[in-house]
N, C-alpha and C. Protein backbone atom coordinates (compact mmCIF):
# COMPACT_ATOMS: atom_id res chain seq x y z
N MET A 1 12.61 -14.16 8.31
CA MET A 1 13.39 -12.56 8.61
C MET A 1 12.52 -11.87 8.87
N LEU A 2 12.57 -11.38 9.78
CA LEU A 2 11.50 -10.01 10.57
C LEU A 2 11.40 -8.80 9.69
N ALA A 3 12.73 -8.55 9.58
CA ALA A 3 12.41 -7.28 8.83
C ALA A 3 12.53 -7.50 7.74
N ALA A 4 12.10 -8.83 6.41
CA ALA A 4 11.74 -8.72 5.02
C ALA A 4 10.09 -9.23 5.17
N LEU A 5 9.61 -9.73 6.22
CA LEU A 5 8.43 -9.29 6.60
C LEU A 5 7.68 -7.69 7.06
N THR A 6 8.53 -7.28 7.67
CA THR A 6 8.15 -5.88 8.06
C THR A 6 8.19 -4.98 6.89
N GLY A 7 8.91 -5.42 5.91
CA GLY A 7 9.48 -4.44 4.60
C GLY A 7 8.11 -4.61 3.80
N MET A 8 7.61 -6.32 3.63
CA MET A 8 6.62 -6.15 2.75
C MET A 8 5.56 -6.00 3.31
N GLY A 9 5.03 -5.79 4.10
CA GLY A 9 3.82 -5.03 4.87
C GLY A 9 3.71 -4.32 4.23
N LEU A 10 5.11 -3.13 4.53
CA LEU A 10 4.89 -1.54 4.40
C LEU A 10 4.89 -1.50 2.94
N SER A 11 5.72 -2.35 2.33
CA SER A 11 5.94 -1.91 0.39
C SER A 11 4.32 -2.60 0.22
N ALA A 12 3.54 -3.42 0.58
CA ALA A 12 2.01 -3.64 0.00
C ALA A 12 1.20 -2.57 0.44
N ALA A 13 1.32 -2.03 1.35
CA ALA A 13 0.38 -1.01 2.17
C ALA A 13 0.55 0.48 1.50
N ALA A 14 2.28 0.79 1.08
CA ALA A 14 2.42 1.37 0.15
C ALA A 14 1.58 1.45 -1.25
N GLY A 15 1.62 0.40 -1.54
CA GLY A 15 0.90 -0.11 -2.85
C GLY A 15 -0.72 0.61 -3.16
N LEU A 16 -1.09 0.64 -1.76
CA LEU A 16 -2.44 0.73 -1.88
C LEU A 16 -2.95 2.47 -1.53
N ASN A 17 -1.82 3.19 -0.24
CA ASN A 17 -1.62 4.06 -0.18
C ASN A 17 0.09 4.34 0.17
N ALA A 18 0.19 5.44 -0.76
CA ALA A 18 1.53 5.63 -0.46
C ALA A 18 1.93 6.23 0.87
N TYR A 19 1.25 7.47 1.14
CA TYR A 19 1.37 7.86 2.23
C TYR A 19 1.32 7.39 3.82
N ILE A 20 -0.36 6.39 4.08
CA ILE A 20 -0.03 5.85 5.18
C ILE A 20 1.09 5.04 5.52
N PRO A 21 1.87 4.58 4.89
CA PRO A 21 2.77 3.83 5.96
C PRO A 21 3.99 4.64 5.92
N PHE A 22 3.95 5.48 5.07
CA PHE A 22 5.72 6.38 5.45
C PHE A 22 4.81 6.86 6.78
N LEU A 23 3.84 7.44 6.82
CA LEU A 23 3.39 8.52 8.21
C LEU A 23 3.86 7.67 9.52
N VAL A 24 2.75 6.19 9.23
CA VAL A 24 2.97 5.26 10.59
C VAL A 24 4.10 5.46 11.08
N VAL A 25 5.41 4.79 10.05
CA VAL A 25 6.61 4.59 10.53
C VAL A 25 7.43 5.82 10.78
N ALA A 26 7.20 7.42 9.94
CA ALA A 26 7.48 8.48 10.65
C ALA A 26 6.84 9.11 12.44
N LEU A 27 5.60 8.87 12.34
CA LEU A 27 5.58 9.17 13.61
C LEU A 27 5.61 8.21 14.97
N LEU A 28 5.96 6.72 14.46
CA LEU A 28 6.16 5.84 15.43
C LEU A 28 7.57 6.13 15.82
N ALA A 29 8.26 6.36 14.43
CA ALA A 29 9.66 6.81 15.01
C ALA A 29 9.87 8.00 15.93
N ARG A 30 9.22 8.75 15.29
CA ARG A 30 9.36 10.41 16.24
C ARG A 30 8.75 10.39 17.77
N PHE A 31 7.90 9.10 17.66
CA PHE A 31 7.20 9.82 18.94
C PHE A 31 7.62 8.25 20.20
N THR A 32 7.53 7.14 19.50
CA THR A 32 7.45 5.96 20.25
C THR A 32 9.35 5.57 20.03
N ASP A 33 9.47 4.31 20.73
CA ASP A 33 10.89 3.74 20.49
C ASP A 33 10.32 1.92 19.61
N VAL A 34 9.20 2.05 19.10
CA VAL A 34 8.84 0.85 18.31
C VAL A 34 9.93 0.92 16.98
N VAL A 35 10.26 1.94 16.72
CA VAL A 35 10.70 2.25 15.24
C VAL A 35 12.01 3.13 15.37
N THR A 36 13.11 2.57 15.03
CA THR A 36 14.21 3.55 15.23
C THR A 36 15.01 3.33 13.78
N LEU A 37 15.07 4.43 12.74
CA LEU A 37 15.55 4.74 11.51
C LEU A 37 16.65 4.59 11.94
N PRO A 38 17.72 3.62 10.31
CA PRO A 38 19.36 3.32 10.38
C PRO A 38 19.10 4.70 10.03
N VAL A 39 20.54 4.96 9.75
CA VAL A 39 21.51 6.53 9.02
C VAL A 39 21.17 6.67 8.14
N GLY A 40 20.50 7.29 7.77
CA GLY A 40 20.20 8.25 5.83
C GLY A 40 18.90 8.57 6.17
N TYR A 41 18.10 7.90 7.32
CA TYR A 41 16.71 7.88 7.21
C TYR A 41 16.15 8.63 8.18
N GLU A 42 16.75 9.18 8.79
CA GLU A 42 16.29 10.01 9.84
C GLU A 42 15.03 11.10 9.93
N TRP A 43 15.79 11.99 8.66
CA TRP A 43 14.93 13.31 7.83
C TRP A 43 13.13 12.36 8.25
N MET A 44 12.99 11.24 7.98
CA MET A 44 11.72 10.71 7.43
C MET A 44 10.36 11.04 8.61
N GLU A 45 11.22 11.17 10.11
CA GLU A 45 10.76 11.58 11.51
C GLU A 45 10.94 13.19 11.84
N SER A 46 11.04 13.85 10.79
CA SER A 46 11.34 15.13 10.55
C SER A 46 10.06 16.23 11.26
N GLY A 47 9.45 16.51 11.17
CA GLY A 47 8.80 17.77 11.21
C GLY A 47 8.18 18.06 10.13
N TRP A 48 9.49 18.76 9.02
CA TRP A 48 8.77 18.63 8.02
C TRP A 48 8.10 18.12 7.11
N ALA A 49 8.93 16.91 7.19
CA ALA A 49 8.61 15.33 6.62
C ALA A 49 7.17 14.98 7.00
N ILE A 50 6.87 14.89 8.25
CA ILE A 50 5.54 14.27 8.78
C ILE A 50 4.37 15.32 8.23
N GLY A 51 4.72 16.89 8.06
CA GLY A 51 4.05 17.66 7.42
C GLY A 51 3.42 17.46 5.56
N VAL A 52 4.76 17.23 4.90
CA VAL A 52 4.44 17.07 3.79
C VAL A 52 3.58 15.93 3.42
N GLY A 53 3.81 14.76 4.27
CA GLY A 53 3.31 13.46 4.13
C GLY A 53 1.88 13.55 4.36
N ALA A 54 1.63 14.42 5.73
CA ALA A 54 0.00 14.70 5.75
C ALA A 54 -0.68 15.00 5.12
N VAL A 55 -0.20 16.20 4.41
CA VAL A 55 -0.96 17.31 3.02
C VAL A 55 -0.82 16.13 1.81
N LEU A 56 -0.04 15.57 1.44
CA LEU A 56 -0.18 14.67 0.16
C LEU A 56 -1.15 13.50 0.52
N LEU A 57 -1.33 13.41 1.76
CA LEU A 57 -2.02 12.02 2.37
C LEU A 57 -3.58 12.55 2.54
N LEU A 58 -3.93 13.89 2.90
CA LEU A 58 -5.15 14.28 2.72
C LEU A 58 -5.39 14.22 1.23
N ALA A 59 -4.57 14.62 0.37
CA ALA A 59 -4.93 14.71 -1.04
C ALA A 59 -5.38 13.45 -2.06
N GLU A 60 -4.22 12.47 -1.20
CA GLU A 60 -4.88 11.48 -2.22
C GLU A 60 -6.06 10.68 -1.70
N VAL A 61 -6.33 11.04 -0.13
CA VAL A 61 -7.92 10.68 0.15
C VAL A 61 -8.93 10.72 -0.04
N VAL A 62 -8.48 12.32 -1.02
CA VAL A 62 -9.89 13.14 -1.34
C VAL A 62 -9.93 12.48 -2.92
N LEU A 63 -9.10 12.60 -3.35
CA LEU A 63 -8.69 12.16 -5.25
C LEU A 63 -9.41 11.12 -5.55
N ASP A 64 -8.63 10.18 -4.69
CA ASP A 64 -8.87 8.57 -4.66
C ASP A 64 -10.29 8.29 -4.73
N LYS A 65 -11.09 9.24 -3.98
CA LYS A 65 -12.76 8.97 -3.60
C LYS A 65 -13.73 9.54 -4.94
N VAL A 66 -13.00 10.54 -5.73
CA VAL A 66 -14.09 10.81 -6.80
C VAL A 66 -13.76 10.10 -7.99
N PRO A 67 -14.90 9.59 -8.83
CA PRO A 67 -15.25 8.48 -9.98
C PRO A 67 -14.20 9.43 -11.33
N ALA A 68 -13.41 8.57 -11.68
CA ALA A 68 -12.82 9.58 -13.12
C ALA A 68 -11.62 9.82 -12.54
N VAL A 69 -11.26 10.79 -11.65
CA VAL A 69 -9.95 11.55 -10.90
C VAL A 69 -9.94 10.55 -10.38
N ASP A 70 -9.88 9.77 -9.82
CA ASP A 70 -9.43 8.56 -8.92
C ASP A 70 -8.08 7.78 -10.15
N THR A 71 -8.82 7.60 -11.47
CA THR A 71 -8.00 6.76 -12.41
C THR A 71 -6.93 7.54 -12.31
N VAL A 72 -6.75 9.09 -13.01
CA VAL A 72 -5.90 9.61 -13.51
C VAL A 72 -4.86 9.64 -12.49
N ASN A 73 -5.07 10.13 -10.43
CA ASN A 73 -4.53 9.78 -9.77
C ASN A 73 -4.26 8.41 -9.89
N ASP A 74 -4.43 7.24 -9.86
CA ASP A 74 -3.72 6.19 -10.14
C ASP A 74 -2.37 6.55 -11.22
N ALA A 75 -3.07 6.76 -11.83
CA ALA A 75 -2.06 6.89 -13.26
C ALA A 75 -0.57 7.48 -12.41
N ILE A 76 -1.17 8.79 -12.47
CA ILE A 76 0.32 9.52 -11.67
C ILE A 76 1.15 8.74 -10.57
N GLN A 77 -0.03 7.99 -9.30
CA GLN A 77 0.85 7.32 -8.65
C GLN A 77 1.76 6.07 -8.97
N THR A 78 1.70 5.98 -9.87
CA THR A 78 2.43 4.30 -10.70
C THR A 78 3.62 4.68 -10.25
N PHE A 79 4.51 5.79 -10.51
CA PHE A 79 6.32 6.43 -10.00
C PHE A 79 6.37 6.55 -8.36
N ILE A 80 4.82 7.15 -7.95
CA ILE A 80 5.19 7.34 -6.50
C ILE A 80 4.92 6.43 -5.47
N ARG A 81 3.69 5.08 -5.69
CA ARG A 81 3.72 4.47 -4.77
C ARG A 81 4.69 3.22 -4.51
N PRO A 82 5.36 2.56 -5.77
CA PRO A 82 6.60 1.82 -5.78
C PRO A 82 7.98 2.43 -5.35
N SER A 83 7.85 3.73 -5.62
CA SER A 83 9.56 4.63 -4.76
C SER A 83 8.99 4.38 -3.16
N MET A 84 7.89 4.97 -2.67
CA MET A 84 8.16 4.87 -1.56
C MET A 84 7.73 3.46 -1.12
N GLY A 85 7.39 2.56 -1.88
CA GLY A 85 7.11 0.77 -1.04
C GLY A 85 9.33 0.76 -0.94
N GLY A 86 9.93 1.14 -1.82
CA GLY A 86 10.96 0.76 -1.89
C GLY A 86 11.78 1.61 -0.50
N LEU A 87 11.12 2.62 -0.18
CA LEU A 87 12.00 3.91 0.73
C LEU A 87 11.33 3.42 2.15
N VAL A 88 10.35 2.86 2.23
CA VAL A 88 9.80 2.23 4.08
C VAL A 88 10.28 1.12 3.91
N PHE A 89 10.50 0.14 2.96
CA PHE A 89 11.28 -1.33 2.85
C PHE A 89 12.60 -1.21 3.59
N ALA A 90 13.42 -0.12 2.85
CA ALA A 90 15.03 0.33 3.36
C ALA A 90 15.03 0.75 4.48
N ALA A 91 13.69 1.29 4.97
CA ALA A 91 13.93 2.52 6.15
C ALA A 91 13.99 1.47 7.45
N THR A 92 13.09 0.66 7.27
CA THR A 92 12.52 -0.45 8.52
C THR A 92 14.00 -1.59 8.17
N ASN A 93 14.73 -1.45 7.67
CA ASN A 93 15.85 -2.46 8.19
C ASN A 93 16.31 -2.64 9.28
N ALA A 94 15.99 -1.87 10.03
CA ALA A 94 16.16 -1.24 11.50
C ALA A 94 15.22 -2.82 12.62
N ALA A 95 14.31 -3.09 11.64
CA ALA A 95 13.77 -4.49 12.31
C ALA A 95 14.73 -5.67 12.53
N SER A 96 15.43 -6.07 11.54
CA SER A 96 16.44 -6.93 11.58
C SER A 96 17.35 -7.24 13.20
N GLU A 97 17.16 -6.48 13.66
CA GLU A 97 17.82 -6.28 15.12
C GLU A 97 17.11 -7.30 15.82
N LEU A 98 15.79 -7.36 15.62
CA LEU A 98 14.52 -8.39 15.97
C LEU A 98 14.93 -9.63 16.09
N ASP A 99 15.55 -10.00 15.17
CA ASP A 99 15.90 -11.55 15.04
C ASP A 99 17.29 -11.55 14.77
N ASN A 100 18.11 -10.43 15.66
CA ASN A 100 19.59 -10.74 15.55
C ASN A 100 20.08 -11.15 14.02
N SER A 101 19.77 -10.42 12.44
CA SER A 101 20.02 -10.70 11.41
C SER A 101 20.62 -9.36 11.23
N THR A 102 21.67 -9.71 10.49
CA THR A 102 21.96 -8.01 9.75
C THR A 102 22.63 -8.54 8.04
N TRP A 103 21.92 -9.49 7.60
CA TRP A 103 21.83 -9.79 6.33
C TRP A 103 21.04 -8.23 5.62
N MET A 104 19.97 -7.94 6.02
CA MET A 104 19.61 -6.78 5.24
C MET A 104 20.20 -6.00 5.41
N SER A 105 20.52 -5.45 6.67
CA SER A 105 21.75 -4.16 6.48
C SER A 105 22.72 -4.45 5.50
N GLU A 106 23.28 -5.44 5.71
CA GLU A 106 24.59 -5.87 4.54
C GLU A 106 23.97 -5.47 3.15
N HIS A 107 23.25 -5.39 2.90
CA HIS A 107 22.51 -5.51 1.37
C HIS A 107 21.07 -4.95 1.27
N PRO A 108 21.44 -3.55 1.33
CA PRO A 108 20.02 -2.15 1.64
C PRO A 108 19.48 -2.37 0.03
N TRP A 109 20.68 -2.53 -0.77
CA TRP A 109 19.93 -2.65 -2.54
C TRP A 109 18.26 -3.48 -2.55
N VAL A 110 18.53 -4.93 -1.60
CA VAL A 110 17.49 -6.04 -1.46
C VAL A 110 16.55 -5.49 -1.35
N GLY A 111 16.41 -4.42 -0.49
CA GLY A 111 15.55 -4.01 0.56
C GLY A 111 14.52 -3.18 -0.63
N VAL A 112 15.23 -2.28 -1.29
CA VAL A 112 14.87 -1.04 -1.89
C VAL A 112 14.27 -1.70 -2.93
N VAL A 113 14.94 -2.45 -3.54
CA VAL A 113 14.13 -3.36 -5.16
C VAL A 113 13.00 -4.17 -4.25
N LEU A 114 13.21 -4.90 -3.63
CA LEU A 114 11.86 -5.88 -3.22
C LEU A 114 10.79 -4.63 -2.71
N GLY A 115 10.81 -3.85 -2.08
CA GLY A 115 9.76 -2.70 -1.56
C GLY A 115 9.38 -2.30 -2.90
N VAL A 116 10.11 -1.98 -4.14
CA VAL A 116 9.25 -1.18 -5.23
C VAL A 116 7.98 -2.19 -6.13
N VAL A 117 9.26 -3.77 -6.18
CA VAL A 117 8.45 -4.72 -6.98
C VAL A 117 7.03 -4.98 -5.86
N VAL A 118 7.25 -5.18 -4.80
CA VAL A 118 5.94 -5.80 -3.78
C VAL A 118 4.70 -4.21 -4.15
N ALA A 119 5.31 -3.11 -3.74
CA ALA A 119 4.05 -1.86 -3.86
C ALA A 119 3.56 -1.50 -5.29
N GLY A 120 5.05 -2.15 -6.32
CA GLY A 120 4.08 -1.81 -7.19
C GLY A 120 3.13 -3.10 -8.09
N LEU A 121 3.40 -3.94 -7.63
CA LEU A 121 2.12 -5.16 -7.95
C LEU A 121 0.96 -5.00 -7.52
N VAL A 122 1.10 -4.57 -6.01
CA VAL A 122 -0.01 -4.14 -5.51
C VAL A 122 -0.68 -3.05 -6.35
N HIS A 123 -0.01 -1.76 -6.82
CA HIS A 123 -0.20 -0.53 -6.94
C HIS A 123 -1.06 -1.25 -8.49
N THR A 124 -0.61 -2.02 -9.52
CA THR A 124 -1.36 -2.40 -10.42
C THR A 124 -2.69 -3.50 -10.39
N GLY A 125 -2.55 -3.92 -9.36
CA GLY A 125 -3.93 -4.71 -9.10
C GLY A 125 -4.85 -3.72 -8.80
N LYS A 126 -4.27 -2.60 -8.34
CA LYS A 126 -5.43 -1.53 -7.31
C LYS A 126 -5.75 -0.63 -8.65
N MET A 127 -4.90 -0.34 -9.49
CA MET A 127 -5.25 0.54 -10.62
C MET A 127 -6.05 -0.09 -11.64
N ALA A 128 -6.18 -1.82 -11.61
CA ALA A 128 -6.52 -2.22 -12.78
C ALA A 128 -8.21 -2.67 -12.84
N ALA A 129 -8.30 -2.87 -11.31
CA ALA A 129 -9.63 -2.92 -10.75
C ALA A 129 -10.52 -1.63 -10.27
N ARG A 130 -10.03 -0.41 -10.57
CA ARG A 130 -10.59 0.87 -10.01
C ARG A 130 -11.63 0.91 -11.17
N PRO A 131 -10.75 1.23 -12.58
CA PRO A 131 -11.85 1.45 -13.45
C PRO A 131 -13.35 0.56 -13.88
N ILE A 132 -12.62 -0.65 -13.66
CA ILE A 132 -14.13 -1.96 -13.71
C ILE A 132 -15.15 -1.37 -12.15
N VAL A 133 -14.38 -1.20 -11.24
CA VAL A 133 -15.45 -1.13 -10.24
C VAL A 133 -16.28 0.18 -10.50
N ASN A 134 -15.82 1.41 -10.83
CA ASN A 134 -16.36 2.36 -11.06
C ASN A 134 -17.52 2.38 -12.42
N GLY A 135 -16.96 1.39 -13.19
CA GLY A 135 -17.86 1.31 -14.72
C GLY A 135 -19.10 0.93 -14.22
N ALA A 136 -18.61 -0.32 -13.66
CA ALA A 136 -19.68 -1.52 -13.14
C ALA A 136 -20.49 -0.95 -12.13
N THR A 137 -20.40 -0.11 -11.05
CA THR A 137 -21.34 0.65 -10.43
C THR A 137 -21.48 2.23 -10.51
N VAL A 138 -21.44 2.44 -11.71
CA VAL A 138 -21.99 3.93 -11.89
C VAL A 138 -20.66 4.43 -11.03
N GLY A 139 -19.98 4.14 -10.51
CA GLY A 139 -18.96 5.38 -9.94
C GLY A 139 -19.14 5.12 -8.22
N PHE A 140 -20.52 4.74 -7.90
CA PHE A 140 -20.73 4.43 -6.23
C PHE A 140 -19.80 3.89 -5.70
N GLY A 141 -19.27 3.05 -6.77
CA GLY A 141 -18.58 1.66 -5.69
C GLY A 141 -17.15 2.56 -5.64
N GLY A 142 -16.73 3.03 -6.52
CA GLY A 142 -15.41 3.66 -6.15
C GLY A 142 -14.77 3.98 -4.41
N PRO A 143 -15.60 5.24 -3.88
CA PRO A 143 -15.77 5.63 -2.49
C PRO A 143 -15.68 4.85 -1.53
N VAL A 144 -16.17 3.48 -1.56
CA VAL A 144 -16.06 2.62 -0.77
C VAL A 144 -14.92 1.67 -0.90
N VAL A 145 -14.79 1.28 -2.50
CA VAL A 145 -13.36 1.05 -2.56
C VAL A 145 -11.97 1.01 -1.62
N SER A 146 -12.12 2.73 -2.13
CA SER A 146 -11.13 3.45 -1.45
C SER A 146 -11.08 3.76 -0.21
N THR A 147 -11.70 3.30 0.49
CA THR A 147 -11.91 3.52 2.08
C THR A 147 -11.39 2.56 2.43
N VAL A 148 -12.23 0.93 1.67
CA VAL A 148 -11.73 -0.23 2.43
C VAL A 148 -9.76 -0.56 2.26
N GLU A 149 -9.56 0.18 0.58
CA GLU A 149 -8.16 0.07 0.74
C GLU A 149 -7.74 1.22 1.62
N ASP A 150 -7.96 1.67 2.14
CA ASP A 150 -6.93 3.07 3.06
C ASP A 150 -6.97 2.20 4.31
N GLY A 151 -8.18 1.74 4.67
CA GLY A 151 -8.43 0.66 5.58
C GLY A 151 -7.23 -0.23 6.16
N ALA A 152 -7.30 -1.11 4.81
CA ALA A 152 -6.13 -1.46 4.78
C ALA A 152 -4.43 -1.61 4.27
N SER A 153 -4.65 -0.26 4.29
CA SER A 153 -3.31 0.04 4.04
C SER A 153 -2.73 0.43 5.26
N VAL A 154 -3.62 0.77 6.31
CA VAL A 154 -3.35 0.91 7.98
C VAL A 154 -3.05 -0.16 8.85
N GLY A 155 -3.30 -1.15 8.46
CA GLY A 155 -3.90 -2.44 9.10
C GLY A 155 -2.54 -3.05 9.04
N LEU A 156 -2.44 -3.00 7.44
CA LEU A 156 -0.98 -3.48 7.29
C LEU A 156 0.51 -2.83 7.54
N SER A 157 -0.11 -1.77 7.45
CA SER A 157 1.37 -0.69 7.97
C SER A 157 1.34 -1.25 9.58
N VAL A 158 0.23 -1.33 10.34
CA VAL A 158 0.67 -1.94 12.11
C VAL A 158 1.21 -2.97 12.02
N VAL A 159 -0.03 -4.16 11.42
CA VAL A 159 0.66 -5.20 11.37
C VAL A 159 1.87 -5.46 11.22
N ALA A 160 2.49 -5.11 10.32
CA ALA A 160 3.79 -4.88 9.39
C ALA A 160 5.32 -4.60 10.72
N LEU A 161 4.92 -3.47 11.29
CA LEU A 161 5.60 -3.09 12.67
C LEU A 161 5.45 -3.79 13.88
N LEU A 162 4.16 -4.55 14.53
CA LEU A 162 3.82 -4.95 15.67
C LEU A 162 4.24 -6.23 15.73
N ALA A 163 3.96 -6.45 14.69
CA ALA A 163 3.19 -8.11 14.53
C ALA A 163 3.62 -8.63 13.17
N PRO A 164 5.27 -8.48 12.64
CA PRO A 164 5.81 -8.81 11.05
C PRO A 164 5.32 -10.59 11.22
N VAL A 165 5.20 -11.03 11.90
CA VAL A 165 5.09 -12.53 11.32
C VAL A 165 3.95 -12.84 10.79
N PHE A 166 2.40 -11.84 11.26
CA PHE A 166 1.41 -11.78 10.86
C PHE A 166 1.45 -11.27 9.47
N VAL A 167 2.32 -10.71 8.46
CA VAL A 167 2.40 -10.10 7.51
C VAL A 167 1.82 -11.26 6.53
N VAL A 168 2.53 -12.47 6.34
CA VAL A 168 2.04 -13.12 5.52
C VAL A 168 0.45 -13.87 5.67
N VAL A 169 -0.29 -13.77 6.11
CA VAL A 169 -1.51 -13.94 6.61
C VAL A 169 -2.11 -12.37 6.10
N ALA A 170 -1.92 -11.32 6.49
CA ALA A 170 -2.48 -10.18 5.89
C ALA A 170 -2.10 -9.81 4.79
N LEU A 171 -0.92 -10.25 3.88
CA LEU A 171 -1.03 -10.64 2.41
C LEU A 171 -1.82 -11.46 1.13
N GLY A 172 -1.88 -12.30 2.38
CA GLY A 172 -2.80 -13.32 1.75
C GLY A 172 -4.52 -13.06 1.91
N LEU A 173 -5.29 -12.41 2.94
CA LEU A 173 -6.08 -11.95 2.89
C LEU A 173 -6.30 -10.75 2.37
N LEU A 174 -5.23 -9.42 1.68
CA LEU A 174 -5.65 -8.64 0.56
C LEU A 174 -5.20 -9.41 -0.58
N VAL A 175 -4.67 -10.35 -1.01
CA VAL A 175 -4.95 -11.00 -2.16
C VAL A 175 -6.28 -11.41 -2.19
N TRP A 176 -6.75 -12.39 -1.38
CA TRP A 176 -8.21 -12.86 -1.82
C TRP A 176 -9.20 -11.77 -1.53
N LEU A 177 -9.12 -10.55 -1.28
CA LEU A 177 -10.32 -9.64 -1.05
C LEU A 177 -10.36 -8.67 -2.63
N LEU A 178 -8.98 -8.98 -3.22
CA LEU A 178 -8.98 -8.32 -4.42
C LEU A 178 -9.40 -9.33 -5.28
N VAL A 179 -8.87 -10.77 -5.44
CA VAL A 179 -9.36 -11.57 -6.54
C VAL A 179 -10.92 -11.49 -6.52
N TRP A 180 -11.74 -11.59 -5.11
CA TRP A 180 -12.96 -11.57 -4.83
C TRP A 180 -13.88 -10.49 -4.98
N MET A 181 -13.35 -9.07 -4.86
CA MET A 181 -13.78 -8.05 -5.58
C MET A 181 -13.84 -8.01 -6.27
N TRP A 182 -12.97 -8.50 -7.50
CA TRP A 182 -12.80 -8.90 -8.96
C TRP A 182 -13.58 -9.40 -9.87
N LEU A 183 -13.96 -10.39 -8.93
CA LEU A 183 -15.04 -11.62 -9.75
C LEU A 183 -16.41 -11.05 -9.14
N ARG A 184 -16.76 -10.42 -8.22
CA ARG A 184 -17.81 -10.06 -7.67
C ARG A 184 -18.15 -8.99 -8.96
N VAL A 185 -17.34 -7.86 -9.09
CA VAL A 185 -17.95 -6.74 -10.01
C VAL A 185 -17.64 -7.60 -11.46
N ARG A 186 -17.06 -8.88 -11.63
CA ARG A 186 -17.37 -9.58 -13.19
C ARG A 186 -18.68 -9.73 -13.50
N GLU A 187 -19.09 -11.08 -12.04
CA GLU A 187 -20.51 -11.03 -12.15
C GLU A 187 -21.35 -9.95 -12.22
N TRP A 188 -21.26 -8.87 -11.45
CA TRP A 188 -22.28 -7.93 -11.63
C TRP A 188 -22.69 -7.34 -13.00
N ARG A 189 -21.17 -7.27 -13.59
CA ARG A 189 -21.55 -6.79 -15.31
C ARG A 189 -22.00 -7.81 -16.21
N ARG A 190 -21.88 -9.06 -15.73
CA ARG A 190 -22.21 -10.19 -16.94
C ARG A 190 -23.94 -10.07 -16.47
N SER A 191 -24.05 -9.88 -15.14
CA SER A 191 -25.65 -9.99 -15.14
C SER A 191 -26.85 -8.95 -15.60
N ARG A 192 -25.95 -7.94 -15.74
CA ARG A 192 -26.82 -6.74 -16.35
C ARG A 192 -26.60 -6.79 -18.13
N ARG A 193 -25.93 -7.79 -18.85
CA ARG A 193 -25.94 -7.97 -20.61
C ARG A 193 -27.32 -8.25 -20.59
N PRO A 194 -27.92 -7.78 -21.73
CA PRO A 194 -28.79 -8.42 -22.13
C PRO A 194 -28.86 -9.85 -22.37
N PRO A 195 -29.54 -10.75 -22.51
CA PRO A 195 -29.28 -12.11 -23.18
C PRO A 195 -29.17 -12.38 -24.14
N SER A 196 -29.12 -11.64 -24.96
CA SER A 196 -28.87 -11.73 -26.60
C SER A 196 -26.87 -11.86 -26.56
N TYR A 197 -26.79 -10.95 -25.39
CA TYR A 197 -24.80 -10.82 -25.76
C TYR A 197 -24.32 -11.90 -25.76
N ALA A 198 -23.28 -11.49 -26.68
CA ALA A 198 -22.86 -13.06 -26.54
C ALA A 198 -21.19 -12.47 -26.68
N GLY A 199 -20.76 -11.58 -26.08
CA GLY A 199 -19.21 -11.36 -26.26
C GLY A 199 -18.62 -12.03 -24.59
N PRO A 200 -17.64 -11.90 -23.83
CA PRO A 200 -16.99 -12.79 -22.88
C PRO A 200 -17.45 -12.53 -21.59
């Protein structure tokens, strides 16, 4: 189901950065025919919604690259990112027209729930990894990781809308990247422990 793949990709992107997939969907809906928002979601492509989204994105990009502040920001985003995941999933149900399926349109609550769950899982992984990265690199790794996450959010959003069949591959790469990063940080921390350290 292309609609489900599109929604999952956008929701995962929202788990990394709540405002990037929102703005990608809103801008494509406003200026192109790639996205046609369903009834009830047309407000997303309004000038005021895009403007507010752009301001929030700017704040998110800056705050997420400041050590310690990024942890507080992640705590606040615990409510925002999953909610945005549900929103963008539900708002792109119009993609069901691509595969002549109306199931998602007839069951809109499924999209909202799936969007919240997918975005929440990605956000949880991001929130758990960031303090470890900051601690292991004395704060220098945070901005780098944040930039990678923003790039991944943009990439996932574009792939989800233009080539949804590749969303599974993109999500697999995202999971691999998060696991690889976590293992590298853990290995780095172990290498810096004194030889006499007997902890885990």
